[in-house]
C-alpha atoms as a PDB file:
ATOM      1  CA  UNK A   1       4.667  46.108   5.836  1.00  0.00           C
ATOM      2  CA  UNK A   2       3.484  48.840   8.394  1.00  0.00           C
ATOM      3  CA  UNK A   3       4.392  51.106   5.941  1.00  0.00           C
ATOM      4  CA  UNK A   4       1.701  49.561   2.949  1.00  0.00           C
ATOM      5  CA  UNK A   5      -1.068  49.366   6.036  1.00  0.00           C
ATOM      6  CA  UNK A   6      -0.442  53.317   6.567  1.00  0.00           C
ATOM      7  CA  UNK A   7      -0.926  53.978   2.335  1.00  0.00           C
ATOM      8  CA  UNK A   8      -3.701  51.714   2.359  1.00  0.00           C
ATOM      9  CA  UNK A   9      -5.738  53.682   5.581  1.00  0.00           C
ATOM     10  CA  UNK A  10      -4.916  56.963   3.737  1.00  0.00           C
ATOM     11  CA  UNK A  11      -6.640  55.243  -0.053  1.00  0.00           C
ATOM     12  CA  UNK A  12      -9.550  54.219   1.947  1.00  0.00           C
ATOM     13  CA  UNK A  13     -10.056  57.641   3.804  1.00  0.00           C
ATOM     14  CA  UNK A  14      -9.571  59.533   0.544  1.00  0.00           C
ATOM     15  CA  UNK A  15     -11.918  57.193  -1.455  1.00  0.00           C
ATOM     16  CA  UNK A  16     -14.700  57.617   1.098  1.00  0.00           C
ATOM     17  CA  UNK A  17     -14.179  61.585   0.977  1.00  0.00           C
ATOM     18  CA  UNK A  18     -14.153  61.382  -2.955  1.00  0.00           C
ATOM     19  CA  UNK A  19     -17.500  59.385  -2.895  1.00  0.00           C
ATOM     20  CA  UNK A  20     -19.005  61.491  -0.645  1.00  0.00           C
ATOM     21  CA  UNK A  21     -18.446  64.264  -2.960  1.00  0.00           C
ATOM     22  CA  UNK A  22     -19.425  62.722  -5.680  1.00  0.00           C
ATOM     23  CA  UNK A  23     -22.729  60.740  -4.430  1.00  0.00           C
ATOM     24  CA  UNK A  24     -23.923  64.151  -3.208  1.00  0.00           C
ATOM     25  CA  UNK A  25     -23.608  65.581  -6.892  1.00  0.00           C
ATOM     26  CA  UNK A  26     -24.785  62.699  -8.469  1.00  0.00           C
ATOM     27  CA  UNK A  27     -28.150  62.835  -5.675  1.00  0.00           C
ATOM     28  CA  UNK A  28     -28.469  66.459  -6.689  1.00  0.00           C
ATOM     29  CA  UNK A  29     -27.845  66.269 -10.091  1.00  0.00           C
ATOM     30  CA  UNK A  30     -29.543  62.822 -10.607  1.00  0.00           C
ATOM     31  CA  UNK A  31     -26.876  62.067 -13.654  1.00  0.00           C
ATOM     32  CA  UNK A  32     -26.203  58.732 -14.259  1.00  0.00           C
ATOM     33  CA  UNK A  33     -22.588  58.582 -15.067  1.00  0.00           C
ATOM     34  CA  UNK A  34     -21.846  60.763 -11.480  1.00  0.00           C
ATOM     35  CA  UNK A  35     -24.282  57.683 -10.236  1.00  0.00           C
ATOM     36  CA  UNK A  36     -21.799  55.151 -11.650  1.00  0.00           C
ATOM     37  CA  UNK A  37     -18.435  56.845 -10.699  1.00  0.00           C
ATOM     38  CA  UNK A  38     -20.066  57.401  -7.128  1.00  0.00           C
ATOM     39  CA  UNK A  39     -20.899  53.757  -6.683  1.00  0.00           C
ATOM     40  CA  UNK A  40     -17.536  52.514  -8.010  1.00  0.00           C
ATOM     41  CA  UNK A  41     -15.726  55.059  -5.020  1.00  0.00           C
ATOM     42  CA  UNK A  42     -17.750  53.672  -2.705  1.00  0.00           C
ATOM     43  CA  UNK A  43     -16.601  50.143  -4.003  1.00  0.00           C
ATOM     44  CA  UNK A  44     -13.302  50.828  -4.034  1.00  0.00           C
ATOM     45  CA  UNK A  45     -13.542  52.379  -0.669  1.00  0.00           C
ATOM     46  CA  UNK A  46     -15.169  49.130   0.850  1.00  0.00           C
ATOM     47  CA  UNK A  47     -11.753  47.281  -1.239  1.00  0.00           C
ATOM     48  CA  UNK A  48      -9.292  49.407   0.612  1.00  0.00           C
ATOM     49  CA  UNK A  49     -11.188  49.232   3.832  1.00  0.00           C
ATOM     50  CA  UNK A  50     -10.919  45.124   3.644  1.00  0.00           C
ATOM     51  CA  UNK A  51      -7.716  45.011   2.847  1.00  0.00           C
ATOM     52  CA  UNK A  52      -6.552  47.633   5.964  1.00  0.00           C
ATOM     53  CA  UNK A  53      -8.201  45.598   7.883  1.00  0.00           C
ATOM     54  CA  UNK A  54      -6.518  41.917   6.689  1.00  0.00           C
ATOM     55  CA  UNK A  55      -3.432  43.424   6.549  1.00  0.00           C
ATOM     56  CA  UNK A  56      -3.726  44.569  10.037  1.00  0.00           C
ATOM     57  CA  UNK A  57      -4.823  41.541  11.366  1.00  0.00           C
ATOM     58  CA  UNK A  58      -1.960  39.833   9.959  1.00  0.00           C
ATOM     59  CA  UNK A  59       0.827  42.506  11.377  1.00  0.00           C
ATOM     60  CA  UNK A  60      -1.215  42.006  14.945  1.00  0.00           C
ATOM     61  CA  UNK A  61      -1.290  38.342  14.588  1.00  0.00           C
ATOM     62  CA  UNK A  62      -5.162  38.625  16.020  1.00  0.00           C
ATOM     63  CA  UNK A  63      -8.377  40.415  15.082  1.00  0.00           C
ATOM     64  CA  UNK A  64      -8.043  43.911  15.386  1.00  0.00           C
ATOM     65  CA  UNK A  65     -10.033  44.585  18.311  1.00  0.00           C
ATOM     66  CA  UNK A  66      -8.004  45.952  20.897  1.00  0.00           C
ATOM     67  CA  UNK A  67      -8.073  49.551  20.793  1.00  0.00           C
ATOM     68  CA  UNK A  68     -10.060  52.679  19.620  1.00  0.00           C
ATOM     69  CA  UNK A  69      -7.860  52.690  16.158  1.00  0.00           C
ATOM     70  CA  UNK A  70      -8.258  49.424  15.368  1.00  0.00           C
ATOM     71  CA  UNK A  71     -12.576  49.203  16.382  1.00  0.00           C
ATOM     72  CA  UNK A  72     -12.826  52.314  14.119  1.00  0.00           C
ATOM     73  CA  UNK A  73     -11.168  50.675  11.123  1.00  0.00           C
ATOM     74  CA  UNK A  74     -14.071  47.597  12.004  1.00  0.00           C
ATOM     75  CA  UNK A  75     -16.702  50.079  12.314  1.00  0.00           C
ATOM     76  CA  UNK A  76     -15.716  51.534   8.823  1.00  0.00           C
ATOM     77  CA  UNK A  77     -15.667  48.615   7.354  1.00  0.00           C
ATOM     78  CA  UNK A  78     -18.957  47.550   8.330  1.00  0.00           C
ATOM     79  CA  UNK A  79     -20.984  50.235   7.956  1.00  0.00           C
ATOM     80  CA  UNK A  80     -19.633  50.697   3.999  1.00  0.00           C
ATOM     81  CA  UNK A  81     -20.335  46.748   3.521  1.00  0.00           C
ATOM     82  CA  UNK A  82     -24.070  47.615   4.954  1.00  0.00           C
ATOM     83  CA  UNK A  83     -24.767  50.271   2.044  1.00  0.00           C
ATOM     84  CA  UNK A  84     -24.451  47.084  -1.058  1.00  0.00           C
ATOM     85  CA  UNK A  85     -27.548  46.301   1.227  1.00  0.00           C
ATOM     86  CA  UNK A  86     -29.698  49.763   0.272  1.00  0.00           C
ATOM     87  CA  UNK A  87     -27.974  50.479  -2.704  1.00  0.00           C
ATOM     88  CA  UNK A  88     -30.891  49.991  -4.711  1.00  0.00           C
ATOM     89  CA  UNK A  89     -32.769  52.054  -2.724  1.00  0.00           C
ATOM     90  CA  UNK A  90     -34.487  55.060  -4.499  1.00  0.00           C
ATOM     91  CA  UNK A  91     -32.682  57.254  -2.241  1.00  0.00           C
ATOM     92  CA  UNK A  92     -29.828  55.512  -2.620  1.00  0.00           C
ATOM     93  CA  UNK A  93     -26.937  58.214  -3.597  1.00  0.00           C
ATOM     94  CA  UNK A  94     -28.019  60.419  -0.561  1.00  0.00           C
ATOM     95  CA  UNK A  95     -27.033  57.051   1.737  1.00  0.00           C
ATOM     96  CA  UNK A  96     -23.819  56.634  -0.413  1.00  0.00           C
ATOM     97  CA  UNK A  97     -23.055  59.967   0.529  1.00  0.00           C
ATOM     98  CA  UNK A  98     -23.798  59.624   4.249  1.00  0.00           C
ATOM     99  CA  UNK A  99     -22.182  56.517   4.844  1.00  0.00           C
ATOM    100  CA  UNK A 100     -19.337  57.923   2.606  1.00  0.00           C
ATOM    101  CA  UNK A 101     -19.072  61.251   5.225  1.00  0.00           C
ATOM    102  CA  UNK A 102     -19.979  59.042   8.286  1.00  0.00           C
ATOM    103  CA  UNK A 103     -16.781  56.914   7.150  1.00  0.00           C
ATOM    104  CA  UNK A 104     -14.965  59.711   6.668  1.00  0.00           C
ATOM    105  CA  UNK A 105     -15.512  61.609  10.496  1.00  0.00           C
ATOM    106  CA  UNK A 106     -14.732  57.928  11.391  1.00  0.00           C
ATOM    107  CA  UNK A 107     -11.296  57.457   9.915  1.00  0.00           C
ATOM    108  CA  UNK A 108     -10.569  61.213  10.353  1.00  0.00           C
ATOM    109  CA  UNK A 109     -10.805  60.529  14.234  1.00  0.00           C
ATOM    110  CA  UNK A 110      -9.005  57.198  14.322  1.00  0.00           C
ATOM    111  CA  UNK A 111      -6.293  58.826  12.336  1.00  0.00           C
ATOM    112  CA  UNK A 112      -5.737  60.829  15.686  1.00  0.00           C
ATOM    113  CA  UNK A 113      -5.556  57.480  17.546  1.00  0.00           C
ATOM    114  CA  UNK A 114      -1.773  55.580  17.598  1.00  0.00           C
ATOM    115  CA  UNK A 115      -1.974  52.885  15.150  1.00  0.00           C
ATOM    116  CA  UNK A 116       1.054  51.145  16.972  1.00  0.00           C
ATOM    117  CA  UNK A 117       0.575  48.060  17.698  1.00  0.00           C
ATOM    118  CA  UNK A 118       0.797  46.992  21.168  1.00  0.00           C
ATOM    119  CA  UNK A 119       0.817  43.481  23.490  1.00  0.00           C
ATOM    120  CA  UNK A 120      -2.206  42.719  25.183  1.00  0.00           C
ATOM    121  CA  UNK A 121      -3.136  43.318  28.254  1.00  0.00           C
ATOM    122  CA  UNK A 122      -4.551  39.547  29.577  1.00  0.00           C
ATOM    123  CA  UNK A 123      -7.880  40.302  30.492  1.00  0.00           C
ATOM    124  CA  UNK A 124      -8.720  41.209  26.241  1.00  0.00           C
ATOM    125  CA  UNK A 125      -6.499  37.620  25.315  1.00  0.00           C
ATOM    126  CA  UNK A 126      -9.674  35.983  25.263  1.00  0.00           C
ATOM    127  CA  UNK A 127     -11.713  34.756  22.002  1.00  0.00           C
ATOM    128  CA  UNK A 128     -15.371  35.373  23.510  1.00  0.00           C
ATOM    129  CA  UNK A 129     -14.129  39.376  23.681  1.00  0.00           C
ATOM    130  CA  UNK A 130     -13.147  38.927  20.471  1.00  0.00           C
ATOM    131  CA  UNK A 131     -16.583  37.477  19.560  1.00  0.00           C
ATOM    132  CA  UNK A 132     -18.205  40.140  21.498  1.00  0.00           C
ATOM    133  CA  UNK A 133     -16.666  42.887  20.165  1.00  0.00           C
ATOM    134  CA  UNK A 134     -17.432  42.135  16.715  1.00  0.00           C
ATOM    135  CA  UNK A 135     -21.000  41.080  17.412  1.00  0.00           C
ATOM    136  CA  UNK A 136     -21.076  45.006  18.957  1.00  0.00           C
ATOM    137  CA  UNK A 137     -19.555  46.692  15.955  1.00  0.00           C
ATOM    138  CA  UNK A 138     -22.005  44.641  13.333  1.00  0.00           C
ATOM    139  CA  UNK A 139     -24.812  46.361  15.515  1.00  0.00           C
ATOM    140  CA  UNK A 140     -23.052  49.820  16.077  1.00  0.00           C
ATOM    141  CA  UNK A 141     -22.362  49.608  12.260  1.00  0.00           C
ATOM    142  CA  UNK A 142     -26.237  49.240  11.801  1.00  0.00           C
ATOM    143  CA  UNK A 143     -27.690  51.432  13.537  1.00  0.00           C
ATOM    144  CA  UNK A 144     -25.194  54.485  12.074  1.00  0.00           C
ATOM    145  CA  UNK A 145     -26.735  53.261   8.906  1.00  0.00           C
ATOM    146  CA  UNK A 146     -29.937  53.754  10.674  1.00  0.00           C
ATOM    147  CA  UNK A 147     -28.810  57.295  11.760  1.00  0.00           C
ATOM    148  CA  UNK A 148     -28.431  58.021   8.386  1.00  0.00           C
ATOM    149  CA  UNK A 149     -32.032  56.843   6.843  1.00  0.00           C
ATOM    150  CA  UNK A 150     -33.359  58.510   9.898  1.00  0.00           C
ATOM    151  CA  UNK A 151     -32.038  61.976   9.170  1.00  0.00           C
ATOM    152  CA  UNK A 152     -33.285  61.552   5.698  1.00  0.00           C
ATOM    153  CA  UNK A 153     -36.618  60.430   6.189  1.00  0.00           C
ATOM    154  CA  UNK A 154     -36.483  63.487   9.094  1.00  0.00           C
ATOM    155  CA  UNK A 155     -36.038  66.062   5.535  1.00  0.00           C
ATOM    156  CA  UNK A 156     -38.130  63.573   3.022  1.00  0.00           C
ATOM    157  CA  UNK A 157     -40.669  62.165   4.858  1.00  0.00           C
ATOM    158  CA  UNK A 158     -40.730  59.487   2.779  1.00  0.00           C
ATOM    159  CA  UNK A 159     -41.962  55.571   3.325  1.00  0.00           C
ATOM    160  CA  UNK A 160     -38.801  53.923   1.486  1.00  0.00           C
ATOM    161  CA  UNK A 161     -36.341  55.694   3.951  1.00  0.00           C
ATOM    162  CA  UNK A 162     -38.354  55.102   6.787  1.00  0.00           C
ATOM    163  CA  UNK A 163     -38.819  51.382   6.162  1.00  0.00           C
ATOM    164  CA  UNK A 164     -35.263  51.027   5.474  1.00  0.00           C
ATOM    165  CA  UNK A 165     -34.159  52.641   8.912  1.00  0.00           C
ATOM    166  CA  UNK A 166     -36.776  50.140  10.538  1.00  0.00           C
ATOM    167  CA  UNK A 167     -35.207  47.222   8.698  1.00  0.00           C
ATOM    168  CA  UNK A 168     -31.650  48.388   9.356  1.00  0.00           C
ATOM    169  CA  UNK A 169     -32.392  48.355  13.149  1.00  0.00           C
ATOM    170  CA  UNK A 170     -34.198  45.036  13.222  1.00  0.00           C
ATOM    171  CA  UNK A 171     -31.286  43.632  12.079  1.00  0.00           C
ATOM    172  CA  UNK A 172     -28.816  45.511  14.101  1.00  0.00           C
ATOM    173  CA  UNK A 173     -30.517  44.529  17.328  1.00  0.00           C
ATOM    174  CA  UNK A 174     -30.108  41.038  17.534  1.00  0.00           C
ATOM    175  CA  UNK A 175     -26.397  41.670  17.209  1.00  0.00           C
ATOM    176  CA  UNK A 176     -26.384  44.069  20.142  1.00  0.00           C
ATOM    177  CA  UNK A 177     -28.142  41.848  22.170  1.00  0.00           C
ATOM    178  CA  UNK A 178     -26.155  38.894  21.489  1.00  0.00           C
ATOM    179  CA  UNK A 179     -23.324  41.574  22.346  1.00  0.00           C
ATOM    180  CA  UNK A 180     -24.535  42.576  25.559  1.00  0.00           C
ATOM    181  CA  UNK A 181     -24.532  38.978  26.597  1.00  0.00           C
ATOM    182  CA  UNK A 182     -21.344  37.632  25.440  1.00  0.00           C
ATOM    183  CA  UNK A 183     -19.599  40.864  27.067  1.00  0.00           C
ATOM    184  CA  UNK A 184     -21.271  39.717  29.956  1.00  0.00           C
ATOM    185  CA  UNK A 185     -19.818  36.187  29.945  1.00  0.00           C
ATOM    186  CA  UNK A 186     -16.284  37.637  29.219  1.00  0.00           C
ATOM    187  CA  UNK A 187     -16.861  39.554  32.415  1.00  0.00           C
ATOM    188  CA  UNK A 188     -17.692  37.055  34.400  1.00  0.00           C
ATOM    189  CA  UNK A 189     -14.114  35.450  33.231  1.00  0.00           C
ATOM    190  CA  UNK A 190     -11.978  38.407  33.698  1.00  0.00           C
ATOM    191  CA  UNK A 191     -13.424  39.965  36.757  1.00  0.00           C
ATOM    192  CA  UNK A 192     -15.155  37.136  38.135  1.00  0.00           C
ATOM    193  CA  UNK A 193     -18.512  38.839  37.437  1.00  0.00           C
ATOM    194  CA  UNK A 194     -21.394  39.150  34.764  1.00  0.00           C
ATOM    195  CA  UNK A 195     -22.462  42.685  35.323  1.00  0.00           C
ATOM    196  CA  UNK A 196     -21.148  45.747  37.779  1.00  0.00           C
ATOM    197  CA  UNK A 197     -23.050  48.651  36.231  1.00  0.00           C
ATOM    198  CA  UNK A 198     -19.392  49.267  35.268  1.00  0.00           C
ATOM    199  CA  UNK A 199     -20.251  52.982  32.933  1.00  0.00           C
ATOM    200  CA  UNK A 200     -19.837  51.117  29.850  1.00  0.00           C
ATOM    201  CA  UNK A 201     -22.307  48.238  30.560  1.00  0.00           C
ATOM    202  CA  UNK A 202     -24.467  50.629  31.501  1.00  0.00           C
ATOM    203  CA  UNK A 203     -24.750  53.124  28.811  1.00  0.00           C
ATOM    204  CA  UNK A 204     -24.479  49.507  26.539  1.00  0.00           C
ATOM    205  CA  UNK A 205     -28.150  49.117  28.843  1.00  0.00           C
ATOM    206  CA  UNK A 206     -29.092  52.465  27.695  1.00  0.00           C
ATOM    207  CA  UNK A 207     -28.493  52.022  24.258  1.00  0.00           C
ATOM    208  CA  UNK A 208     -30.530  48.672  24.385  1.00  0.00           C
ATOM    209  CA  UNK A 209     -33.160  49.962  25.510  1.00  0.00           C
ATOM    210  CA  UNK A 210     -33.499  53.036  23.430  1.00  0.00           C
ATOM    211  CA  UNK A 211     -33.815  50.609  20.260  1.00  0.00           C
ATOM    212  CA  UNK A 212     -35.839  48.393  22.266  1.00  0.00           C
ATOM    213  CA  UNK A 213     -37.776  51.342  22.649  1.00  0.00           C
ATOM    214  CA  UNK A 214     -38.087  52.148  18.892  1.00  0.00           C
ATOM    215  CA  UNK A 215     -38.815  48.519  17.709  1.00  0.00           C
ATOM    216  CA  UNK A 216     -41.530  48.427  20.396  1.00  0.00           C
ATOM    217  CA  UNK A 217     -43.242  51.772  19.405  1.00  0.00           C
ATOM    218  CA  UNK A 218     -43.619  50.253  15.791  1.00  0.00           C
ATOM    219  CA  UNK A 219     -44.654  46.896  16.230  1.00  0.00           C
ATOM    220  CA  UNK A 220     -47.210  47.401  19.271  1.00  0.00           C
ATOM    221  CA  UNK A 221     -48.083  51.373  19.026  1.00  0.00           C
ATOM    222  CA  UNK A 222     -47.982  51.255  15.475  1.00  0.00           C
ATOM    223  CA  UNK A 223     -45.730  54.524  15.947  1.00  0.00           C
ATOM    224  CA  UNK A 224     -44.726  55.780  12.183  1.00  0.00           C
ATOM    225  CA  UNK A 225     -43.170  59.222  10.415  1.00  0.00           C
ATOM    226  CA  UNK A 226     -41.083  61.367  11.862  1.00  0.00           C
ATOM    227  CA  UNK A 227     -41.322  60.763  15.516  1.00  0.00           C
ATOM    228  CA  UNK A 228     -39.603  57.479  15.287  1.00  0.00           C
ATOM    229  CA  UNK A 229     -36.747  58.316  13.013  1.00  0.00           C
ATOM    230  CA  UNK A 230     -35.669  60.912  15.666  1.00  0.00           C
ATOM    231  CA  UNK A 231     -35.518  57.798  18.078  1.00  0.00           C
ATOM    232  CA  UNK A 232     -33.503  56.018  15.614  1.00  0.00           C
ATOM    233  CA  UNK A 233     -31.451  59.391  15.097  1.00  0.00           C
ATOM    234  CA  UNK A 234     -31.024  60.101  19.105  1.00  0.00           C
ATOM    235  CA  UNK A 235     -30.070  56.029  19.320  1.00  0.00           C
ATOM    236  CA  UNK A 236     -26.838  56.598  17.444  1.00  0.00           C
ATOM    237  CA  UNK A 237     -25.354  59.369  19.342  1.00  0.00           C
ATOM    238  CA  UNK A 238     -26.059  56.791  22.287  1.00  0.00           C
ATOM    239  CA  UNK A 239     -24.403  54.759  20.469  1.00  0.00           C
ATOM    240  CA  UNK A 240     -21.220  57.047  19.852  1.00  0.00           C
ATOM    241  CA  UNK A 241     -21.248  58.244  23.804  1.00  0.00           C
ATOM    242  CA  UNK A 242     -21.408  54.554  24.596  1.00  0.00           C
ATOM    243  CA  UNK A 243     -18.895  54.212  22.031  1.00  0.00           C
ATOM    244  CA  UNK A 244     -16.450  56.765  22.471  1.00  0.00           C
ATOM    245  CA  UNK A 245     -17.858  59.298  25.573  1.00  0.00           C
ATOM    246  CA  UNK A 246     -17.459  56.462  28.214  1.00  0.00           C
ATOM    247  CA  UNK A 247     -13.527  56.257  27.291  1.00  0.00           C
ATOM    248  CA  UNK A 248     -12.844  59.748  27.619  1.00  0.00           C
ATOM    249  CA  UNK A 249     -15.454  61.155  30.426  1.00  0.00           C
ATOM    250  CA  UNK A 250     -16.203  58.031  32.510  1.00  0.00           C
ATOM    251  CA  UNK A 251     -13.272  55.969  34.531  1.00  0.00           C
ATOM    252  CA  UNK A 252     -14.077  52.305  34.305  1.00  0.00           C
ATOM    253  CA  UNK A 253     -12.947  48.999  33.437  1.00  0.00           C
ATOM    254  CA  UNK A 254     -13.756  49.069  30.352  1.00  0.00           C
ATOM    255  CA  UNK A 255     -12.387  52.650  29.428  1.00  0.00           C
ATOM    256  CA  UNK A 256      -9.830  51.355  26.417  1.00  0.00           C
ATOM    257  CA  UNK A 257      -8.114  53.738  24.029  1.00  0.00           C
END
């Protein structure tokens, strides 16, 4: 079964790479056949990703949320699923290219991590933790997609990608909020306190503040255009540091790999 999982992982990575290439060609040439093939590639990649996550769940006998390798699988899957909400956009091929490239990078990084299924430490044996991680990665996936649409908007400055960036962040922000709250509840059970300014907690709050600022500026100040896209793009860099940078560069209770 582990060999089947390894094959599914490799197939997913190859399909996302193929999707990136074909969708980039479709975006440049406006060729309908290339666009159809590109849609098929990213659809097949998402299906393979679903299969990999389901099989990992069966092998580990739990939802895969325990380490960087497993959460990368979920992260990639959620980003891939997000494509289908934006596929009818006028910039759908560019978005598909960006999503595919981002997933190639995520899965390539995951391939450098150990795929071994290890017993969970007591602090990680919690349904509340699973809910916390899933909520956070729903948000992170939304912010990853908003990074792609924001970068496209910086170059094209069109209303379509600007609006898409806003909608995706508006979708992801409540999940991040709920993820931080459930994380605090889990921390109280695991360590006897809701908040301790651990590096991961601090950077999660910084992430929340960045996206809260984005929404505040758009709602209350009427900001539009490239300035907001810069904030959205920068926000995802904060997400990546919160997710990975803290694990590798800052010591703390959340530094799981």
